[in-house]
Amino acid sequence: MLLAGKRENIDERRFLSGKMTLKSMLLLCILLPGLAAAAGIEKFDPIPIRAIYPPVKPHSSADEALASGHVANEYFKMAKPASKPWRIAFLFPHMKDPYWIGCSYGVISEARRLGVAADIFPAEGYDDLIGQLREMDEAIASRYDAIVISPVSMTANNASIAKARKFGIPVFELANDSTSDDLTTKVTTSLKDMGIDAARWVIEDARRRGLRSINIALLPGPLDAGWVKGEVEGTLDEAKRAPIKINIVDIEYGDSDRILQARLAAQLIARYGKELDYIIGCTGCAPAARLPINEAKLDRKIRVVAYDLTREIADLIERGEIQAAADTKAVSQARVVLDSAVNFLEGRTRKPPDTILIRLGLVDQSNYASYPFDTSIGPKRCIPVLSYAPKGMK
C-alpha cells in the first residue's frame, strides 16, 4: 500500500538506492501523504541567517567565504507561492541516515506550499561520485528549471556544476560544501562552527565533572566531504583553546553507513578502551557508536556527542544515550534553499548572496523540552517522499 502509484509516494527503485530496506527506513522516519498540511507547515517563522555577498575568495568553502565576503546578519522570510510549477531536481548523497530524511521532509513539504515540482535523486553514498555525476547529467538532460546539489566531494563535483550552468540551469547547493564558483547560492551552515560547538559542549561538560584532562576520539564521516573537513577543523581549533588538556587520540574517517561506523567505533574502543572519555560523531556515526560502547560495558565511562541533529539523535538525547548535539537545522536549510531557488526563478532576487549560513543550534537534556525541533527535523512518524508535483501537472 505504501508503494502505490501516486507521484508523491515512494518510488521503490529510487527509495532502495540508499541501500536500505523499506522496513529499516520505516524505523527512522514516516512522512505520510498530506502530513505537511496536517502538521500546520503552511508557513514558517523567519530563519536567522548570515548572508554572505560577493566579492568572496575564489574557489572558497563556506567558511572561507565567511572570512572574505560581506556578511549581513539577516532573517530569511518564506517565499511567496510560485507563479508556475517550476521543476527542481535535488541531488542527495544518499538516504542512509535520518539527516537526509529530514532534508527530504523540508523539501517536499515546502514544494507543496510553494506549488512547485521537486524530485530527489539520492546517490548510494559518499563513495558513489559516479552515481551523483550521472544524476547530474540526467537532470541536465531532463531540463529541470533548477538543480540543488548536496555534493559528495569538496571538489570532484565542480565540473558537473559548471556543465549545468553552461546549459543555462542555475545550481544551488544544500548542506554539503564544495569549492565551485558556478553556484548561484550555497545554503549551508558554518561547518567549522559545528565542530566548535560540539567540542565546546564536551569541554564544558568535562569541567562540570571536574576533569582536568580528557581523551576524545572523532568519527566525523567520509574524508573528502566538505562538512567533515569543517567539523574536524573546528574541533581541533576549540581543543587548542580549551582551559583543560584535550587529547584528540584518533580520527577515523569513513562513509556514514551504519555498519561501517559501528565497526570503526568498535576499533576505537578496542584500541583505547577505558582511556576514552568522549566520542564525537556525525549523524550516522554517533548513534552507531552506542552498540560497541554498550557491549564493552563502557556506557557510564564514554559519552557520545553528535555533530548534528536528527530525529534519531533527538530521541537518543531524550533517553540519555547521546549527551548533546550541535544542530545545523536540516529542515530549515531545505526550506531556505528551495525558497531561494524559487525566488531566483521568479525574478525576485536581483543579486542573490553567494552563501547563506543558517544559524546553528545545540540541544542537550537541559533544553530538550523547549527546543524548536520543527526547525530542524521532521515529524516522528514518516516515510521519505522523494517526488512531488502539483495537481494537474504532467
Protein backbone atom coordinates (compact mmCIF):
# COMPACT_ATOMS: atom_id res chain seq x y z
CA MET A 1 0.00 0.00 0.00
CA LEU A 2 2.84 2.41 0.77
CA LEU A 3 4.23 1.88 -2.72
CA ALA A 4 1.03 2.90 -4.51
CA GLY A 5 1.45 4.66 -7.83
CA LYS A 6 0.90 8.32 -6.86
CA ARG A 7 3.71 10.62 -7.90
CA GLU A 8 4.25 11.97 -4.36
CA ASN A 9 4.52 8.47 -2.91
CA ILE A 10 7.75 6.49 -2.78
CA ASP A 11 9.33 5.28 -5.98
CA GLU A 12 10.68 1.88 -4.90
CA ARG A 13 13.75 1.83 -7.16
CA ARG A 14 14.98 5.24 -6.01
CA PHE A 15 13.99 4.57 -2.40
CA LEU A 16 16.13 1.45 -2.31
CA SER A 17 19.08 3.21 -3.98
CA GLY A 18 20.12 4.25 -0.47
CA LYS A 19 20.82 0.54 0.20
CA MET A 20 18.14 0.43 2.88
CA THR A 21 15.10 -1.82 3.03
CA LEU A 22 11.65 -0.36 3.39
CA LYS A 23 11.38 -1.91 6.83
CA SER A 24 14.62 -0.37 8.11
CA MET A 25 13.78 3.05 6.67
CA LEU A 26 10.38 2.97 8.34
CA LEU A 27 12.15 2.68 11.68
CA LEU A 28 13.77 6.06 11.03
CA CYS A 29 11.02 8.36 9.81
CA ILE A 30 7.49 8.34 8.41
CA LEU A 31 6.14 11.13 6.21
CA LEU A 32 2.53 10.35 5.38
CA PRO A 33 0.91 11.97 2.32
CA GLY A 34 -0.67 15.27 3.34
CA LEU A 35 1.19 15.37 6.67
CA ALA A 36 2.66 18.80 5.91
CA ALA A 37 -0.75 20.42 5.89
CA ALA A 38 -1.97 18.36 8.83
CA ALA A 39 1.08 19.40 10.85
CA GLY A 40 0.47 23.09 10.13
CA ILE A 41 3.55 23.61 7.95
CA GLU A 42 1.88 26.07 5.61
CA LYS A 43 4.32 28.68 6.89
CA PHE A 44 7.46 29.06 8.95
CA ASP A 45 8.91 31.83 11.07
CA PRO A 46 11.78 33.95 9.70
CA ILE A 47 15.01 31.95 9.95
CA PRO A 48 18.16 33.59 11.41
CA ILE A 49 20.94 33.53 8.81
CA ARG A 50 24.24 35.07 7.86
CA ALA A 51 24.06 36.17 4.22
CA ILE A 52 27.45 36.47 2.52
CA TYR A 53 27.67 38.73 -0.53
CA PRO A 54 30.45 38.99 -3.14
CA PRO A 55 33.24 39.53 -3.62
CA VAL A 56 34.46 36.35 -1.95
CA LYS A 57 37.68 34.41 -2.30
CA PRO A 58 37.65 32.28 -5.50
CA HIS A 59 37.10 28.53 -5.06
CA SER A 60 36.25 29.08 -1.42
CA SER A 61 34.50 26.95 1.12
CA ALA A 62 31.55 28.42 3.00
CA ASP A 63 33.79 29.25 5.96
CA GLU A 64 36.34 30.88 3.66
CA ALA A 65 33.52 32.93 2.12
CA LEU A 66 32.53 33.93 5.64
CA ALA A 67 36.04 35.29 6.17
CA SER A 68 36.33 37.08 2.81
CA GLY A 69 32.87 38.29 1.79
CA HIS A 70 30.48 40.96 3.04
CA VAL A 71 28.45 39.38 5.85
CA ALA A 72 24.97 40.57 6.83
CA ASN A 73 23.01 39.20 9.78
CA GLU A 74 19.50 38.75 8.43
CA TYR A 75 16.28 36.81 8.78
CA PHE A 76 15.17 34.72 5.82
CA LYS A 77 11.45 35.11 5.21
CA MET A 78 9.47 32.42 3.46
CA ALA A 79 8.92 32.92 -0.24
CA LYS A 80 5.54 33.60 -1.77
CA PRO A 81 3.99 30.74 -3.75
CA ALA A 82 5.34 30.36 -7.26
CA SER A 83 3.54 31.72 -10.32
CA LYS A 84 4.13 28.44 -12.18
CA PRO A 85 5.07 24.85 -11.27
CA TRP A 86 8.83 25.11 -11.69
CA ARG A 87 10.66 21.75 -11.83
CA ILE A 88 13.56 21.46 -9.40
CA ALA A 89 15.89 18.46 -9.02
CA PHE A 90 17.63 17.66 -5.74
CA LEU A 91 20.79 15.51 -5.80
CA PHE A 92 21.40 13.96 -2.36
CA PRO A 93 24.44 11.84 -1.45
CA HIS A 94 22.22 9.04 -0.10
CA MET A 95 19.21 8.30 2.10
CA LYS A 96 21.04 6.09 4.57
CA ASP A 97 20.69 8.22 7.68
CA PRO A 98 17.94 10.40 9.16
CA TYR A 99 19.70 13.68 8.29
CA TRP A 100 18.76 13.37 4.63
CA ILE A 101 15.31 12.16 5.55
CA GLY A 102 14.90 15.45 7.45
CA CYS A 103 16.08 17.33 4.37
CA SER A 104 13.62 15.42 2.19
CA TYR A 105 10.83 16.36 4.56
CA GLY A 106 11.80 20.04 4.32
CA VAL A 107 11.98 19.86 0.52
CA ILE A 108 8.67 18.08 -0.11
CA SER A 109 6.61 19.99 2.48
CA GLU A 110 7.93 23.30 1.12
CA ALA A 111 7.36 22.25 -2.50
CA ARG A 112 3.72 21.62 -1.61
CA ARG A 113 3.43 25.06 -0.03
CA LEU A 114 5.09 26.84 -2.97
CA GLY A 115 3.30 24.87 -5.69
CA VAL A 116 6.42 23.62 -7.46
CA ALA A 117 7.61 20.18 -8.54
CA ALA A 118 10.52 18.61 -6.64
CA ASP A 119 12.35 15.36 -7.40
CA ILE A 120 15.01 13.99 -5.04
CA PHE A 121 17.67 11.75 -6.59
CA PRO A 122 19.91 10.08 -3.97
CA ALA A 123 23.26 8.54 -4.85
CA GLU A 124 24.35 5.44 -2.94
CA GLY A 125 26.77 7.14 -0.54
CA TYR A 126 29.87 9.27 -0.33
CA ASP A 127 31.80 6.68 -2.32
CA ASP A 128 29.32 6.97 -5.20
CA LEU A 129 30.68 10.01 -7.04
CA ILE A 130 29.95 8.34 -10.38
CA GLY A 131 26.33 7.89 -9.38
CA GLN A 132 25.91 11.54 -8.42
CA LEU A 133 27.61 12.71 -11.61
CA ARG A 134 25.21 10.51 -13.57
CA GLU A 135 22.25 12.01 -11.71
CA MET A 136 23.51 15.49 -12.64
CA ASP A 137 23.76 14.53 -16.31
CA GLU A 138 20.22 13.15 -16.22
CA ALA A 139 18.89 16.29 -14.51
CA ILE A 140 20.55 18.45 -17.18
CA ALA A 141 19.15 16.27 -19.97
CA SER A 142 15.69 16.47 -18.39
CA ARG A 143 15.92 20.27 -18.49
CA TYR A 144 14.98 20.95 -14.90
CA ASP A 145 14.47 24.65 -14.21
CA ALA A 146 16.97 24.48 -11.33
CA ILE A 147 19.18 21.89 -9.65
CA VAL A 148 20.03 21.69 -5.95
CA ILE A 149 23.07 19.55 -5.19
CA SER A 150 24.45 18.23 -1.92
CA PRO A 151 27.85 17.22 -3.33
CA VAL A 152 29.65 14.11 -2.17
CA SER A 153 33.03 15.79 -2.67
CA MET A 154 34.55 19.18 -1.95
CA THR A 155 35.99 19.44 -5.48
CA ALA A 156 35.02 16.45 -7.65
CA ASN A 157 31.50 17.73 -8.43
CA ASN A 158 32.71 21.13 -9.64
CA ALA A 159 32.95 20.24 -13.33
CA SER A 160 29.39 18.87 -13.40
CA ILE A 161 28.08 22.02 -11.69
CA ALA A 162 29.85 24.11 -14.35
CA LYS A 163 28.25 21.93 -17.05
CA ALA A 164 24.75 22.62 -15.71
CA ARG A 165 25.45 26.35 -15.67
CA LYS A 166 26.72 26.15 -19.27
CA PHE A 167 23.32 24.74 -20.23
CA GLY A 168 21.62 27.68 -18.51
CA ILE A 169 20.41 25.79 -15.45
CA PRO A 170 21.02 27.57 -12.12
CA VAL A 171 22.58 25.31 -9.49
CA PHE A 172 22.15 25.77 -5.76
CA GLU A 173 23.99 23.92 -3.00
CA LEU A 174 22.40 22.37 0.08
CA ALA A 175 24.20 21.42 3.31
CA ASN A 176 27.33 19.80 1.87
CA ASP A 177 30.04 22.25 0.82
CA SER A 178 32.17 22.50 -2.32
CA THR A 179 34.63 24.93 -3.88
CA SER A 180 32.60 25.51 -7.05
CA ASP A 181 32.39 29.08 -8.36
CA ASP A 182 29.46 28.18 -10.65
CA LEU A 183 26.79 28.00 -7.98
CA THR A 184 24.01 30.56 -7.77
CA THR A 185 23.86 30.32 -3.97
CA LYS A 186 25.10 27.94 -1.29
CA VAL A 187 22.78 27.20 1.62
CA THR A 188 24.59 25.56 4.49
CA THR A 189 25.95 26.44 7.93
CA SER A 190 29.38 27.27 9.22
CA LEU A 191 30.70 23.74 9.12
CA LYS A 192 33.63 24.78 11.24
CA ASP A 193 31.20 26.04 13.87
CA MET A 194 29.67 22.55 14.00
CA GLY A 195 32.98 21.27 15.31
CA ILE A 196 33.48 24.24 17.61
CA ASP A 197 30.04 23.91 19.21
CA ALA A 198 30.26 20.14 19.71
CA ALA A 199 33.78 20.38 21.16
CA ARG A 200 32.80 23.32 23.37
CA TRP A 201 29.96 21.31 24.89
CA VAL A 202 32.35 18.43 25.59
CA ILE A 203 34.88 20.75 27.25
CA GLU A 204 32.24 22.42 29.43
CA ASP A 205 30.80 19.04 30.39
CA ALA A 206 34.25 17.76 31.35
CA ARG A 207 34.84 20.84 33.51
CA ARG A 208 31.49 20.35 35.24
CA ARG A 209 32.62 16.82 36.05
CA GLY A 210 35.89 18.14 37.49
CA LEU A 211 38.08 16.57 34.79
CA ARG A 212 41.37 18.30 34.04
CA SER A 213 42.32 16.16 31.05
CA ILE A 214 40.17 14.17 28.61
CA ASN A 215 40.67 11.82 25.68
CA ILE A 216 38.41 12.32 22.66
CA ALA A 217 38.02 10.23 19.51
CA LEU A 218 36.32 11.54 16.38
CA LEU A 219 34.06 9.72 13.92
CA PRO A 220 33.45 12.67 11.57
CA GLY A 221 32.34 10.86 8.40
CA PRO A 222 33.82 10.49 4.89
CA LEU A 223 37.22 12.11 4.38
CA ASP A 224 36.52 14.11 1.21
CA ALA A 225 33.13 15.52 2.20
CA GLY A 226 33.21 19.28 2.77
CA TRP A 227 31.27 19.17 6.04
CA VAL A 228 33.76 16.69 7.50
CA LYS A 229 36.72 18.97 6.87
CA GLY A 230 34.92 21.85 8.60
CA GLU A 231 33.79 19.96 11.68
CA VAL A 232 37.22 18.43 12.26
CA GLU A 233 38.97 21.80 11.89
CA GLY A 234 36.51 23.37 14.32
CA THR A 235 37.00 20.60 16.85
CA LEU A 236 40.79 20.85 16.68
CA ASP A 237 40.72 24.65 16.99
CA GLU A 238 38.44 24.55 20.03
CA ALA A 239 40.61 21.86 21.64
CA LYS A 240 43.65 24.12 21.33
CA ARG A 241 41.83 26.93 23.14
CA ALA A 242 40.47 24.76 25.94
CA PRO A 243 41.25 25.59 29.58
CA ILE A 244 41.84 21.88 30.23
CA LYS A 245 44.07 19.39 28.43
CA ILE A 246 42.35 17.88 25.40
CA ASN A 247 43.84 14.83 23.71
CA ILE A 248 42.36 14.00 20.30
CA VAL A 249 43.55 10.41 20.39
CA ASP A 250 42.20 9.31 16.99
CA ILE A 251 40.15 10.35 13.96
CA GLU A 252 38.51 7.55 11.99
CA TYR A 253 37.07 8.57 8.60
CA GLY A 254 34.52 6.59 6.63
CA ASP A 255 31.15 6.67 4.86
CA SER A 256 28.23 7.30 7.21
CA ASP A 257 26.93 3.78 6.60
CA ARG A 258 25.75 2.43 9.96
CA ILE A 259 27.54 -0.91 9.79
CA LEU A 260 30.86 0.68 8.80
CA GLN A 261 30.61 3.29 11.55
CA ALA A 262 29.80 0.67 14.19
CA ARG A 263 32.92 -1.20 13.08
CA LEU A 264 35.05 1.95 13.33
CA ALA A 265 33.66 2.67 16.79
CA ALA A 266 34.42 -0.89 17.89
CA GLN A 267 38.00 -0.46 16.67
CA LEU A 268 38.37 2.74 18.70
CA ILE A 269 37.07 1.04 21.83
CA ALA A 270 39.33 -1.98 21.30
CA ARG A 271 42.30 0.37 20.87
CA TYR A 272 41.67 2.79 23.74
CA GLY A 273 39.04 1.18 25.97
CA LYS A 274 38.69 2.82 29.37
CA GLU A 275 41.13 5.58 28.41
CA LEU A 276 38.47 7.13 26.18
CA ASP A 277 36.18 9.79 27.67
CA TYR A 278 34.20 11.07 24.68
CA ILE A 279 33.35 10.17 21.09
CA ILE A 280 32.12 12.94 18.80
CA GLY A 281 30.48 11.68 15.63
CA CYS A 282 28.41 12.64 12.59
CA THR A 283 24.69 11.92 12.28
CA GLY A 284 25.26 8.35 11.12
CA CYS A 285 28.36 7.89 13.26
CA ALA A 286 27.32 8.96 16.76
CA PRO A 287 24.33 6.55 17.05
CA ALA A 288 26.43 3.72 15.59
CA ALA A 289 28.92 4.10 18.46
CA ARG A 290 26.32 3.21 21.08
CA LEU A 291 26.23 -0.57 20.47
CA PRO A 292 30.00 -1.21 20.74
CA ILE A 293 30.15 1.07 23.80
CA ASN A 294 27.36 -0.88 25.47
CA GLU A 295 28.87 -4.23 24.51
CA ALA A 296 32.17 -3.16 26.12
CA LYS A 297 30.20 -2.12 29.25
CA LEU A 298 31.65 1.38 28.98
CA ASP A 299 28.33 3.24 28.74
CA ARG A 300 29.00 5.00 32.05
CA LYS A 301 32.54 5.95 31.02
CA ILE A 302 32.35 7.09 27.38
CA ARG A 303 29.98 9.91 26.49
CA VAL A 304 28.78 10.44 22.92
CA VAL A 305 28.16 13.84 21.34
CA ALA A 306 26.87 14.41 17.79
CA TYR A 307 28.00 16.97 15.25
CA ASP A 308 24.42 17.37 14.05
CA LEU A 309 20.83 16.63 14.94
CA THR A 310 18.39 14.09 13.52
CA ARG A 311 15.12 12.67 14.84
CA GLU A 312 17.01 9.56 15.92
CA ILE A 313 19.65 11.58 17.77
CA ALA A 314 16.97 13.70 19.45
CA ASP A 315 15.35 10.52 20.78
CA LEU A 316 18.74 9.24 22.00
CA ILE A 317 19.38 12.54 23.81
CA GLU A 318 16.00 12.26 25.50
CA ARG A 319 16.96 8.77 26.71
CA GLY A 320 20.43 9.90 27.80
CA GLU A 321 22.25 7.64 25.32
CA ILE A 322 23.73 10.62 23.45
CA GLN A 323 24.55 13.61 25.61
CA ALA A 324 24.27 16.53 23.16
CA ALA A 325 24.20 17.54 19.51
CA ALA A 326 25.07 20.60 17.51
CA ASP A 327 22.24 21.37 15.11
CA THR A 328 22.62 22.61 11.52
CA LYS A 329 18.82 22.72 11.19
CA ALA A 330 18.37 20.45 8.18
CA VAL A 331 14.68 21.23 7.66
CA SER A 332 15.38 24.98 7.70
CA GLN A 333 18.24 24.55 5.23
CA ALA A 334 15.96 22.64 2.87
CA ARG A 335 13.24 25.29 3.10
CA VAL A 336 15.68 28.14 2.52
CA VAL A 337 17.38 26.55 -0.50
CA LEU A 338 14.06 25.75 -2.18
CA ASP A 339 12.71 29.22 -1.46
CA SER A 340 15.96 30.75 -2.77
CA ALA A 341 15.66 28.76 -5.99
CA VAL A 342 12.02 29.77 -6.48
CA ASN A 343 12.76 33.44 -5.74
CA PHE A 344 15.55 33.33 -8.33
CA LEU A 345 13.40 31.63 -10.97
CA GLU A 346 10.59 34.12 -10.34
CA GLY A 347 12.99 37.04 -10.84
CA ARG A 348 12.50 38.27 -7.28
CA THR A 349 16.22 38.26 -6.45
CA ARG A 350 18.44 40.67 -8.37
CA LYS A 351 21.72 39.87 -6.63
CA PRO A 352 21.48 36.64 -4.65
CA PRO A 353 24.01 36.11 -1.87
CA ASP A 354 26.98 33.89 -2.60
CA THR A 355 26.30 31.90 0.57
CA ILE A 356 23.53 31.66 3.16
CA LEU A 357 24.58 30.24 6.51
CA ILE A 358 21.77 29.02 8.75
CA ARG A 359 22.44 29.83 12.40
CA LEU A 360 23.33 26.75 14.42
CA GLY A 361 21.56 25.39 17.46
CA LEU A 362 22.62 23.00 20.21
CA VAL A 363 20.43 20.60 22.15
CA ASP A 364 21.03 18.54 25.28
CA GLN A 365 18.83 17.36 28.13
CA SER A 366 18.84 20.81 29.75
CA ASN A 367 16.90 22.43 26.88
CA TYR A 368 15.28 19.38 25.29
CA ALA A 369 11.75 20.16 26.48
CA SER A 370 11.74 23.66 24.97
CA TYR A 371 13.85 23.08 21.84
CA PRO A 372 12.25 24.11 18.48
CA PHE A 373 12.64 20.74 16.77
CA ASP A 374 10.28 21.69 13.93
CA THR A 375 13.03 23.94 12.51
CA SER A 376 15.48 21.03 12.38
CA ILE A 377 13.94 17.60 11.97
CA GLY A 378 10.82 16.05 10.50
CA PRO A 379 7.86 14.65 12.44
CA LYS A 380 8.30 11.49 14.47
CA ARG A 381 6.31 9.26 12.14
CA CYS A 382 7.01 9.50 8.44
CA ILE A 383 8.49 7.76 5.41
CA PRO A 384 10.64 9.79 3.00
CA VAL A 385 8.82 11.04 -0.08
CA LEU A 386 11.22 11.63 -2.94
CA SER A 387 8.95 13.22 -5.53
CA TYR A 388 6.12 15.76 -5.61
CA ALA A 389 4.24 17.60 -8.34
CA PRO A 390 1.25 19.95 -8.02
CA LYS A 391 -2.12 18.52 -9.01
CA GLY A 392 -2.75 18.59 -12.73
CA MET A 393 0.93 18.73 -13.65
CA LYS A 394 2.00 16.04 -16.11
